[in-house]
PDB file of N, CA and C in Angstrom:
ATOM      1  N   MET A   1     100.453  11.233 -41.489  1.00  0.00           N
ATOM      2  CA  MET A   1      99.008  11.365 -41.445  1.00  0.00           C
ATOM      3  C   MET A   1      98.422  10.173 -40.694  1.00  0.00           C
ATOM      4  N   LEU A   2      97.357  10.425 -39.942  1.00  0.00           N
ATOM      5  CA  LEU A   2      96.789   9.422 -39.053  1.00  0.00           C
ATOM      6  C   LEU A   2      95.548   8.733 -39.605  1.00  0.00           C
ATOM      7  N   VAL A   3      95.209   8.988 -40.850  1.00  0.00           N
ATOM      8  CA  VAL A   3      93.941   8.562 -41.420  1.00  0.00           C
ATOM      9  C   VAL A   3      93.704   7.054 -41.349  1.00  0.00           C
ATOM     10  N   SER A   4      94.745   6.256 -41.345  1.00  0.00           N
ATOM     11  CA  SER A   4      94.559   4.802 -41.353  1.00  0.00           C
ATOM     12  C   SER A   4      93.997   4.261 -40.036  1.00  0.00           C
ATOM     13  N   MET A   5      93.967   5.085 -38.999  1.00  0.00           N
ATOM     14  CA  MET A   5      93.419   4.643 -37.716  1.00  0.00           C
ATOM     15  C   MET A   5      92.205   5.490 -37.357  1.00  0.00           C
ATOM     16  N   ASN A   6      91.334   4.933 -36.532  1.00  0.00           N
ATOM     17  CA  ASN A   6      90.198   5.714 -36.080  1.00  0.00           C
ATOM     18  C   ASN A   6      90.583   6.523 -34.838  1.00  0.00           C
ATOM     19  N   PHE A   7      89.722   7.458 -34.470  1.00  0.00           N
ATOM     20  CA  PHE A   7      90.007   8.373 -33.375  1.00  0.00           C
ATOM     21  C   PHE A   7      90.353   7.616 -32.090  1.00  0.00           C
ATOM     22  N   GLY A   8      89.537   6.643 -31.738  1.00  0.00           N
ATOM     23  CA  GLY A   8      89.762   5.893 -30.508  1.00  0.00           C
ATOM     24  C   GLY A   8      91.117   5.207 -30.476  1.00  0.00           C
ATOM     25  N   ASN A   9      91.497   4.578 -31.582  1.00  0.00           N
ATOM     26  CA  ASN A   9      92.798   3.906 -31.650  1.00  0.00           C
ATOM     27  C   ASN A   9      93.952   4.897 -31.553  1.00  0.00           C
ATOM     28  N   ILE A  10      93.763   6.061 -32.168  1.00  0.00           N
ATOM     29  CA  ILE A  10      94.824   7.068 -32.133  1.00  0.00           C
ATOM     30  C   ILE A  10      95.102   7.517 -30.705  1.00  0.00           C
ATOM     31  N   ILE A  11      94.051   7.846 -29.969  1.00  0.00           N
ATOM     32  CA  ILE A  11      94.312   8.332 -28.608  1.00  0.00           C
ATOM     33  C   ILE A  11      94.793   7.204 -27.696  1.00  0.00           C
ATOM     34  N   LYS A  12      94.251   6.008 -27.885  1.00  0.00           N
ATOM     35  CA  LYS A  12      94.694   4.886 -27.057  1.00  0.00           C
ATOM     36  C   LYS A  12      96.158   4.542 -27.348  1.00  0.00           C
ATOM     37  N   ASN A  13      96.514   4.414 -28.624  1.00  0.00           N
ATOM     38  CA  ASN A  13      97.897   4.072 -28.974  1.00  0.00           C
ATOM     39  C   ASN A  13      98.877   5.148 -28.524  1.00  0.00           C
ATOM     40  N   THR A  14      98.486   6.403 -28.665  1.00  0.00           N
ATOM     41  CA  THR A  14      99.352   7.497 -28.222  1.00  0.00           C
ATOM     42  C   THR A  14      99.526   7.456 -26.712  1.00  0.00           C
ATOM     43  N   ARG A  15      98.435   7.238 -26.015  1.00  0.00           N
ATOM     44  CA  ARG A  15      98.492   7.148 -24.545  1.00  0.00           C
ATOM     45  C   ARG A  15      99.397   5.995 -24.110  1.00  0.00           C
ATOM     46  N   LEU A  16      99.255   4.852 -24.747  1.00  0.00           N
ATOM     47  CA  LEU A  16     100.064   3.687 -24.381  1.00  0.00           C
ATOM     48  C   LEU A  16     101.545   3.898 -24.718  1.00  0.00           C
ATOM     49  N   LYS A  17     101.826   4.542 -25.845  1.00  0.00           N
ATOM     50  CA  LYS A  17     103.220   4.846 -26.189  1.00  0.00           C
ATOM     51  C   LYS A  17     103.853   5.749 -25.138  1.00  0.00           C
ATOM     52  N   ARG A  18     103.039   6.620 -24.580  1.00  0.00           N
ATOM     53  CA  ARG A  18     103.524   7.528 -23.528  1.00  0.00           C
ATOM     54  C   ARG A  18     103.531   6.839 -22.156  1.00  0.00           C
ATOM     55  N   GLN A  19     103.091   5.586 -22.152  1.00  0.00           N
ATOM     56  CA  GLN A  19     103.006   4.774 -20.931  1.00  0.00           C
ATOM     57  C   GLN A  19     102.166   5.471 -19.864  1.00  0.00           C
ATOM     58  N   GLU A  20     101.006   5.930 -20.293  1.00  0.00           N
ATOM     59  CA  GLU A  20     100.087   6.604 -19.391  1.00  0.00           C
ATOM     60  C   GLU A  20      98.813   5.794 -19.236  1.00  0.00           C
ATOM     61  N   THR A  21      98.202   5.938 -18.100  1.00  0.00           N
ATOM     62  CA  THR A  21      96.920   5.291 -17.830  1.00  0.00           C
ATOM     63  C   THR A  21      95.794   6.221 -18.273  1.00  0.00           C
ATOM     64  N   LEU A  22      94.591   5.668 -18.335  1.00  0.00           N
ATOM     65  CA  LEU A  22      93.432   6.508 -18.625  1.00  0.00           C
ATOM     66  C   LEU A  22      93.273   7.580 -17.549  1.00  0.00           C
ATOM     67  N   HIS A  23      93.590   7.226 -16.326  1.00  0.00           N
ATOM     68  CA  HIS A  23      93.492   8.195 -15.221  1.00  0.00           C
ATOM     69  C   HIS A  23      94.440   9.375 -15.470  1.00  0.00           C
ATOM     70  N   GLN A  24      95.644   9.101 -15.921  1.00  0.00           N
ATOM     71  CA  GLN A  24      96.596  10.180 -16.196  1.00  0.00           C
ATOM     72  C   GLN A  24      96.101  11.058 -17.349  1.00  0.00           C
ATOM     73  N   LEU A  25      95.551  10.421 -18.382  1.00  0.00           N
ATOM     74  CA  LEU A  25      94.993  11.184 -19.494  1.00  0.00           C
ATOM     75  C   LEU A  25      93.819  12.033 -19.006  1.00  0.00           C
ATOM     76  N   SER A  26      93.030  11.470 -18.132  1.00  0.00           N
ATOM     77  CA  SER A  26      91.900  12.189 -17.562  1.00  0.00           C
ATOM     78  C   SER A  26      92.368  13.423 -16.782  1.00  0.00           C
ATOM     79  N   MET A  27      93.391  13.247 -15.983  1.00  0.00           N
ATOM     80  CA  MET A  27      93.928  14.362 -15.195  1.00  0.00           C
ATOM     81  C   MET A  27      94.500  15.443 -16.109  1.00  0.00           C
ATOM     82  N   GLY A  28      95.145  15.046 -17.194  1.00  0.00           N
ATOM     83  CA  GLY A  28      95.772  16.000 -18.108  1.00  0.00           C
ATOM     84  C   GLY A  28      94.801  16.734 -19.014  1.00  0.00           C
ATOM     85  N   THR A  29      93.620  16.157 -19.212  1.00  0.00           N
ATOM     86  CA  THR A  29      92.650  16.761 -20.120  1.00  0.00           C
ATOM     87  C   THR A  29      91.401  17.263 -19.416  1.00  0.00           C
ATOM     88  N   ASP A  30      91.247  16.919 -18.147  1.00  0.00           N
ATOM     89  CA  ASP A  30      90.055  17.261 -17.369  1.00  0.00           C
ATOM     90  C   ASP A  30      88.794  16.683 -18.024  1.00  0.00           C
ATOM     91  N   ILE A  31      88.952  15.430 -18.489  1.00  0.00           N
ATOM     92  CA  ILE A  31      87.826  14.687 -19.067  1.00  0.00           C
ATOM     93  C   ILE A  31      87.691  13.397 -18.258  1.00  0.00           C
ATOM     94  N   ASP A  32      86.469  13.059 -17.905  1.00  0.00           N
ATOM     95  CA  ASP A  32      86.186  11.885 -17.090  1.00  0.00           C
ATOM     96  C   ASP A  32      86.765  10.605 -17.704  1.00  0.00           C
ATOM     97  N   VAL A  33      87.304   9.735 -16.852  1.00  0.00           N
ATOM     98  CA  VAL A  33      87.906   8.470 -17.286  1.00  0.00           C
ATOM     99  C   VAL A  33      86.900   7.624 -18.073  1.00  0.00           C
ATOM    100  N   THR A  34      85.673   7.561 -17.593  1.00  0.00           N
ATOM    101  CA  THR A  34      84.650   6.761 -18.271  1.00  0.00           C
ATOM    102  C   THR A  34      84.402   7.273 -19.684  1.00  0.00           C
ATOM    103  N   LEU A  35      84.351   8.576 -19.838  1.00  0.00           N
ATOM    104  CA  LEU A  35      84.134   9.161 -21.147  1.00  0.00           C
ATOM    105  C   LEU A  35      85.334   8.907 -22.069  1.00  0.00           C
ATOM    106  N   LEU A  36      86.548   9.054 -21.541  1.00  0.00           N
ATOM    107  CA  LEU A  36      87.752   8.762 -22.323  1.00  0.00           C
ATOM    108  C   LEU A  36      87.758   7.312 -22.788  1.00  0.00           C
ATOM    109  N   SER A  37      87.338   6.417 -21.915  1.00  0.00           N
ATOM    110  CA  SER A  37      87.261   5.004 -22.271  1.00  0.00           C
ATOM    111  C   SER A  37      86.283   4.791 -23.428  1.00  0.00           C
ATOM    112  N   LYS A  38      85.165   5.511 -23.396  1.00  0.00           N
ATOM    113  CA  LYS A  38      84.186   5.402 -24.490  1.00  0.00           C
ATOM    114  C   LYS A  38      84.760   5.946 -25.794  1.00  0.00           C
ATOM    115  N   PHE A  39      85.566   7.000 -25.708  1.00  0.00           N
ATOM    116  CA  PHE A  39      86.227   7.511 -26.910  1.00  0.00           C
ATOM    117  C   PHE A  39      87.162   6.451 -27.483  1.00  0.00           C
ATOM    118  N   GLU A  40      87.965   5.843 -26.603  1.00  0.00           N
ATOM    119  CA  GLU A  40      88.939   4.838 -27.048  1.00  0.00           C
ATOM    120  C   GLU A  40      88.259   3.617 -27.663  1.00  0.00           C
ATOM    121  N   ARG A  41      87.066   3.294 -27.186  1.00  0.00           N
ATOM    122  CA  ARG A  41      86.328   2.140 -27.714  1.00  0.00           C
ATOM    123  C   ARG A  41      85.405   2.519 -28.865  1.00  0.00           C
ATOM    124  N   ASN A  42      85.472   3.774 -29.291  1.00  0.00           N
ATOM    125  CA  ASN A  42      84.639   4.281 -30.387  1.00  0.00           C
ATOM    126  C   ASN A  42      83.152   4.154 -30.121  1.00  0.00           C
ATOM    127  N   VAL A  43      82.789   4.329 -28.856  1.00  0.00           N
ATOM    128  CA  VAL A  43      81.384   4.298 -28.462  1.00  0.00           C
ATOM    129  C   VAL A  43      80.799   5.710 -28.509  1.00  0.00           C
ATOM    130  N   ARG A  44      81.640   6.696 -28.236  1.00  0.00           N
ATOM    131  CA  ARG A  44      81.230   8.110 -28.245  1.00  0.00           C
ATOM    132  C   ARG A  44      82.245   8.941 -29.005  1.00  0.00           C
ATOM    133  N   PHE A  45      81.790  10.105 -29.456  1.00  0.00           N
ATOM    134  CA  PHE A  45      82.677  11.081 -30.082  1.00  0.00           C
ATOM    135  C   PHE A  45      82.869  12.260 -29.133  1.00  0.00           C
ATOM    136  N   PRO A  46      84.036  12.858 -29.154  1.00  0.00           N
ATOM    137  CA  PRO A  46      84.271  14.018 -28.288  1.00  0.00           C
ATOM    138  C   PRO A  46      83.625  15.284 -28.845  1.00  0.00           C
ATOM    139  N   THR A  47      83.368  16.229 -27.955  1.00  0.00           N
ATOM    140  CA  THR A  47      82.957  17.557 -28.390  1.00  0.00           C
ATOM    141  C   THR A  47      84.199  18.259 -28.940  1.00  0.00           C
ATOM    142  N   ASN A  48      84.009  19.390 -29.590  1.00  0.00           N
ATOM    143  CA  ASN A  48      85.158  20.146 -30.092  1.00  0.00           C
ATOM    144  C   ASN A  48      86.076  20.582 -28.952  1.00  0.00           C
ATOM    145  N   GLU A  49      85.493  20.975 -27.838  1.00  0.00           N
ATOM    146  CA  GLU A  49      86.301  21.391 -26.685  1.00  0.00           C
ATOM    147  C   GLU A  49      87.116  20.217 -26.133  1.00  0.00           C
ATOM    148  N   GLN A  50      86.506  19.066 -26.005  1.00  0.00           N
ATOM    149  CA  GLN A  50      87.218  17.879 -25.526  1.00  0.00           C
ATOM    150  C   GLN A  50      88.309  17.475 -26.514  1.00  0.00           C
ATOM    151  N   LEU A  51      87.995  17.544 -27.777  1.00  0.00           N
ATOM    152  CA  LEU A  51      88.965  17.201 -28.812  1.00  0.00           C
ATOM    153  C   LEU A  51      90.177  18.132 -28.739  1.00  0.00           C
ATOM    154  N   GLU A  52      89.932  19.405 -28.509  1.00  0.00           N
ATOM    155  CA  GLU A  52      91.022  20.375 -28.387  1.00  0.00           C
ATOM    156  C   GLU A  52      91.919  20.043 -27.193  1.00  0.00           C
ATOM    157  N   ARG A  53      91.307  19.690 -26.065  1.00  0.00           N
ATOM    158  CA  ARG A  53      92.095  19.346 -24.871  1.00  0.00           C
ATOM    159  C   ARG A  53      92.909  18.074 -25.078  1.00  0.00           C
ATOM    160  N   ILE A  54      92.312  17.072 -25.720  1.00  0.00           N
ATOM    161  CA  ILE A  54      93.027  15.818 -26.005  1.00  0.00           C
ATOM    162  C   ILE A  54      94.192  16.089 -26.941  1.00  0.00           C
ATOM    163  N   SER A  55      93.928  16.868 -27.971  1.00  0.00           N
ATOM    164  CA  SER A  55      94.956  17.209 -28.956  1.00  0.00           C
ATOM    165  C   SER A  55      96.149  17.902 -28.291  1.00  0.00           C
ATOM    166  N   LYS A  56      95.866  18.887 -27.471  1.00  0.00           N
ATOM    167  CA  LYS A  56      96.939  19.625 -26.800  1.00  0.00           C
ATOM    168  C   LYS A  56      97.718  18.721 -25.854  1.00  0.00           C
ATOM    169  N   TYR A  57      96.995  17.944 -25.073  1.00  0.00           N
ATOM    170  CA  TYR A  57      97.671  17.101 -24.083  1.00  0.00           C
ATOM    171  C   TYR A  57      98.537  16.026 -24.746  1.00  0.00           C
ATOM    172  N   LEU A  58      97.995  15.383 -25.773  1.00  0.00           N
ATOM    173  CA  LEU A  58      98.740  14.304 -26.435  1.00  0.00           C
ATOM    174  C   LEU A  58      99.657  14.820 -27.544  1.00  0.00           C
ATOM    175  N   GLN A  59      99.612  16.108 -27.810  1.00  0.00           N
ATOM    176  CA  GLN A  59     100.437  16.747 -28.835  1.00  0.00           C
ATOM    177  C   GLN A  59     100.221  16.102 -30.212  1.00  0.00           C
ATOM    178  N   ILE A  60      98.936  16.030 -30.563  1.00  0.00           N
ATOM    179  CA  ILE A  60      98.519  15.516 -31.868  1.00  0.00           C
ATOM    180  C   ILE A  60      97.806  16.658 -32.579  1.00  0.00           C
ATOM    181  N   SER A  61      97.999  16.759 -33.871  1.00  0.00           N
ATOM    182  CA  SER A  61      97.367  17.813 -34.662  1.00  0.00           C
ATOM    183  C   SER A  61      95.853  17.832 -34.440  1.00  0.00           C
ATOM    184  N   GLU A  62      95.352  18.981 -34.004  1.00  0.00           N
ATOM    185  CA  GLU A  62      93.914  19.130 -33.808  1.00  0.00           C
ATOM    186  C   GLU A  62      93.177  19.013 -35.142  1.00  0.00           C
ATOM    187  N   LEU A  63      93.761  19.559 -36.189  1.00  0.00           N
ATOM    188  CA  LEU A  63      93.162  19.469 -37.521  1.00  0.00           C
ATOM    189  C   LEU A  63      92.991  18.006 -37.942  1.00  0.00           C
ATOM    190  N   GLU A  64      94.029  17.205 -37.732  1.00  0.00           N
ATOM    191  CA  GLU A  64      93.953  15.780 -38.084  1.00  0.00           C
ATOM    192  C   GLU A  64      92.859  15.078 -37.281  1.00  0.00           C
ATOM    193  N   LEU A  65      92.849  15.307 -35.967  1.00  0.00           N
ATOM    194  CA  LEU A  65      91.860  14.635 -35.120  1.00  0.00           C
ATOM    195  C   LEU A  65      90.441  15.058 -35.479  1.00  0.00           C
ATOM    196  N   LYS A  66      90.220  16.347 -35.679  1.00  0.00           N
ATOM    197  CA  LYS A  66      88.881  16.814 -36.047  1.00  0.00           C
ATOM    198  C   LYS A  66      88.444  16.212 -37.375  1.00  0.00           C
ATOM    199  N   SER A  67      89.348  16.170 -38.326  1.00  0.00           N
ATOM    200  CA  SER A  67      89.025  15.605 -39.640  1.00  0.00           C
ATOM    201  C   SER A  67      88.639  14.139 -39.529  1.00  0.00           C
ATOM    202  N   ILE A  68      89.361  13.404 -38.718  1.00  0.00           N
ATOM    203  CA  ILE A  68      89.066  11.982 -38.529  1.00  0.00           C
ATOM    204  C   ILE A  68      87.719  11.803 -37.849  1.00  0.00           C
ATOM    205  N   VAL A  69      87.452  12.595 -36.813  1.00  0.00           N
ATOM    206  CA  VAL A  69      86.173  12.489 -36.106  1.00  0.00           C
ATOM    207  C   VAL A  69      85.016  12.825 -37.047  1.00  0.00           C
ATOM    208  N   ILE A  70      85.152  13.874 -37.838  1.00  0.00           N
ATOM    209  CA  ILE A  70      84.092  14.238 -38.779  1.00  0.00           C
ATOM    210  C   ILE A  70      83.845  13.101 -39.770  1.00  0.00           C
ATOM    211  N   SER A  71      84.916  12.519 -40.300  1.00  0.00           N
ATOM    212  CA  SER A  71      84.746  11.423 -41.263  1.00  0.00           C
ATOM    213  C   SER A  71      84.072  10.219 -40.606  1.00  0.00           C
ATOM    214  N   GLU A  72      84.425   9.934 -39.362  1.00  0.00           N
ATOM    215  CA  GLU A  72      83.806   8.807 -38.662  1.00  0.00           C
ATOM    216  C   GLU A  72      82.329   9.073 -38.389  1.00  0.00           C
ATOM    217  N   LYS A  73      81.986  10.321 -38.085  1.00  0.00           N
ATOM    218  CA  LYS A  73      80.581  10.670 -37.859  1.00  0.00           C
ATOM    219  C   LYS A  73      79.774  10.483 -39.141  1.00  0.00           C
ATOM    220  N   ILE A  74      80.346  10.886 -40.259  1.00  0.00           N
ATOM    221  CA  ILE A  74      79.657  10.738 -41.545  1.00  0.00           C
ATOM    222  C   ILE A  74      79.392   9.259 -41.831  1.00  0.00           C
ATOM    223  N   VAL A  75      80.419   8.435 -41.671  1.00  0.00           N
ATOM    224  CA  VAL A  75      80.267   7.003 -41.945  1.00  0.00           C
ATOM    225  C   VAL A  75      79.273   6.370 -40.978  1.00  0.00           C
ATOM    226  N   LYS A  76      79.342   6.758 -39.708  1.00  0.00           N
ATOM    227  CA  LYS A  76      78.412   6.185 -38.724  1.00  0.00           C
ATOM    228  C   LYS A  76      76.974   6.568 -39.058  1.00  0.00           C
ATOM    229  N   GLU A  77      76.768   7.817 -39.443  1.00  0.00           N
ATOM    230  CA  GLU A  77      75.416   8.311 -39.730  1.00  0.00           C
ATOM    231  C   GLU A  77      74.861   7.773 -41.049  1.00  0.00           C
ATOM    232  N   TYR A  78      75.697   7.735 -42.077  1.00  0.00           N
ATOM    233  CA  TYR A  78      75.188   7.430 -43.417  1.00  0.00           C
ATOM    234  C   TYR A  78      75.681   6.116 -44.009  1.00  0.00           C
ATOM    235  N   GLY A  79      76.655   5.482 -43.371  1.00  0.00           N
ATOM    236  CA  GLY A  79      77.145   4.203 -43.846  1.00  0.00           C
ATOM    237  C   GLY A  79      78.140   4.336 -44.985  1.00  0.00           C
ATOM    238  N   VAL A  80      78.653   3.206 -45.397  1.00  0.00           N
ATOM    239  CA  VAL A  80      79.594   3.145 -46.510  1.00  0.00           C
ATOM    240  C   VAL A  80      78.815   2.641 -47.713  1.00  0.00           C
ATOM    241  N   ASN A  81      78.504   3.574 -48.606  1.00  0.00           N
ATOM    242  CA  ASN A  81      77.719   3.213 -49.781  1.00  0.00           C
ATOM    243  C   ASN A  81      77.917   4.255 -50.876  1.00  0.00           C
ATOM    244  N   GLY A  82      77.324   4.004 -52.004  1.00  0.00           N
ATOM    245  CA  GLY A  82      77.472   4.895 -53.145  1.00  0.00           C
ATOM    246  C   GLY A  82      76.932   6.295 -52.893  1.00  0.00           C
ATOM    247  N   THR A  83      75.853   6.393 -52.139  1.00  0.00           N
ATOM    248  CA  THR A  83      75.263   7.699 -51.851  1.00  0.00           C
ATOM    249  C   THR A  83      76.207   8.543 -51.008  1.00  0.00           C
ATOM    250  N   THR A  84      76.787   7.933 -50.001  1.00  0.00           N
ATOM    251  CA  THR A  84      77.739   8.661 -49.154  1.00  0.00           C
ATOM    252  C   THR A  84      78.944   9.100 -49.977  1.00  0.00           C
ATOM    253  N   HIS A  85      79.428   8.213 -50.811  1.00  0.00           N
ATOM    254  CA  HIS A  85      80.572   8.542 -51.663  1.00  0.00           C
ATOM    255  C   HIS A  85      80.239   9.722 -52.580  1.00  0.00           C
ATOM    256  N   LYS A  86      79.063   9.703 -53.183  1.00  0.00           N
ATOM    257  CA  LYS A  86      78.636  10.788 -54.072  1.00  0.00           C
ATOM    258  C   LYS A  86      78.522  12.106 -53.286  1.00  0.00           C
ATOM    259  N   ALA A  87      77.971  12.042 -52.095  1.00  0.00           N
ATOM    260  CA  ALA A  87      77.832  13.238 -51.261  1.00  0.00           C
ATOM    261  C   ALA A  87      79.205  13.833 -50.936  1.00  0.00           C
ATOM    262  N   ILE A  88      80.174  12.984 -50.667  1.00  0.00           N
ATOM    263  CA  ILE A  88      81.533  13.460 -50.371  1.00  0.00           C
ATOM    264  C   ILE A  88      82.151  14.103 -51.610  1.00  0.00           C
ATOM    265  N   GLN A  89      81.880  13.545 -52.777  1.00  0.00           N
ATOM    266  CA  GLN A  89      82.364  14.153 -54.021  1.00  0.00           C
ATOM    267  C   GLN A  89      81.771  15.552 -54.202  1.00  0.00           C
ATOM    268  N   ILE A  90      80.486  15.689 -53.897  1.00  0.00           N
ATOM    269  CA  ILE A  90      79.825  16.992 -54.023  1.00  0.00           C
ATOM    270  C   ILE A  90      80.432  17.997 -53.048  1.00  0.00           C
ATOM    271  N   VAL A  91      80.653  17.578 -51.819  1.00  0.00           N
ATOM    272  CA  VAL A  91      81.279  18.455 -50.828  1.00  0.00           C
ATOM    273  C   VAL A  91      82.671  18.871 -51.301  1.00  0.00           C
ATOM    274  N   SER A  92      83.405  17.935 -51.844  1.00  0.00           N
ATOM    275  CA  SER A  92      84.741  18.228 -52.357  1.00  0.00           C
ATOM    276  C   SER A  92      84.685  19.290 -53.451  1.00  0.00           C
ATOM    277  N   GLU A  93      83.727  19.157 -54.334  1.00  0.00           N
ATOM    278  CA  GLU A  93      83.559  20.147 -55.401  1.00  0.00           C
ATOM    279  C   GLU A  93      83.171  21.511 -54.828  1.00  0.00           C
ATOM    280  N   GLN A  94      82.325  21.505 -53.813  1.00  0.00           N
ATOM    281  CA  GLN A  94      81.898  22.763 -53.202  1.00  0.00           C
ATOM    282  C   GLN A  94      83.049  23.447 -52.460  1.00  0.00           C
ATOM    283  N   LEU A  95      83.984  22.662 -51.949  1.00  0.00           N
ATOM    284  CA  LEU A  95      85.123  23.215 -51.212  1.00  0.00           C
ATOM    285  C   LEU A  95      86.264  23.652 -52.135  1.00  0.00           C
ATOM    286  N   ALA A  96      86.269  23.190 -53.370  1.00  0.00           N
ATOM    287  CA  ALA A  96      87.366  23.493 -54.293  1.00  0.00           C
ATOM    288  C   ALA A  96      87.647  24.992 -54.413  1.00  0.00           C
ATOM    289  N   PRO A  97      86.638  25.851 -54.546  1.00  0.00           N
ATOM    290  CA  PRO A  97      86.934  27.294 -54.634  1.00  0.00           C
ATOM    291  C   PRO A  97      87.625  27.830 -53.378  1.00  0.00           C
ATOM    292  N   TYR A  98      87.268  27.302 -52.231  1.00  0.00           N
ATOM    293  CA  TYR A  98      87.909  27.723 -50.976  1.00  0.00           C
ATOM    294  C   TYR A  98      89.398  27.425 -51.026  1.00  0.00           C
ATOM    295  N   PHE A  99      89.751  26.226 -51.456  1.00  0.00           N
ATOM    296  CA  PHE A  99      91.160  25.840 -51.484  1.00  0.00           C
ATOM    297  C   PHE A  99      91.932  26.591 -52.559  1.00  0.00           C
ATOM    298  N   SER A 100      91.317  26.847 -53.697  1.00  0.00           N
ATOM    299  CA  SER A 100      92.016  27.592 -54.740  1.00  0.00           C
ATOM    300  C   SER A 100      92.226  29.045 -54.308  1.00  0.00           C
ATOM    301  N   ASN A 101      91.268  29.630 -53.581  1.00  0.00           N
ATOM    302  CA  ASN A 101      91.430  31.000 -53.071  1.00  0.00           C
ATOM    303  C   ASN A 101      92.470  31.083 -51.978  1.00  0.00           C
ATOM    304  N   SER A 102      92.543  30.076 -51.117  1.00  0.00           N
ATOM    305  CA  SER A 102      93.526  30.103 -50.033  1.00  0.00           C
ATOM    306  C   SER A 102      94.945  29.935 -50.579  1.00  0.00           C
ATOM    307  N   LYS A 103      95.104  29.216 -51.684  1.00  0.00           N
ATOM    308  CA  LYS A 103      96.435  29.055 -52.307  1.00  0.00           C
ATOM    309  C   LYS A 103      96.905  30.370 -52.908  1.00  0.00           C
ATOM    310  N   LYS A 104      95.977  31.153 -53.429  1.00  0.00           N
ATOM    311  CA  LYS A 104      96.318  32.434 -54.021  1.00  0.00           C
ATOM    312  C   LYS A 104      96.810  33.428 -52.970  1.00  0.00           C
ATOM    313  N   ARG A 105      96.328  33.281 -51.739  1.00  0.00           N
ATOM    314  CA  ARG A 105      96.686  34.205 -50.667  1.00  0.00           C
ATOM    315  C   ARG A 105      98.050  33.922 -50.064  1.00  0.00           C
ATOM    316  N   THR A 106      98.514  32.682 -50.161  1.00  0.00           N
ATOM    317  CA  THR A 106      99.807  32.344 -49.547  1.00  0.00           C
ATOM    318  C   THR A 106     100.935  32.725 -50.473  1.00  0.00           C
ATOM    319  N   PRO A 107     102.010  33.344 -49.923  1.00  0.00           N
ATOM    320  CA  PRO A 107     103.138  33.776 -50.764  1.00  0.00           C
ATOM    321  C   PRO A 107     103.948  32.628 -51.310  1.00  0.00           C
TER     322      PRO A 107
END
């Protein structure tokens, strides 16, 4: 699981492990180098379409990346505080029926 790192670090570290430049990542994802640089520096968040292309190109779970981006957006928008924590607990409770129903459907 990639949760211990933020989105920008994940794509940068993966790119560097593959010994690729931002230009190569740009060519492989059809996303502008400047925009990719902003993603890596956590200045901007990708759209869902951009996230899908990055995920496919770098062979990283799209579900993991989307989850990380959503969590980072929440923290950026609302901060790290008791209210945000309580809101996440409420969302978790609201999602519980979804997860219990999906478990019933799997053999």
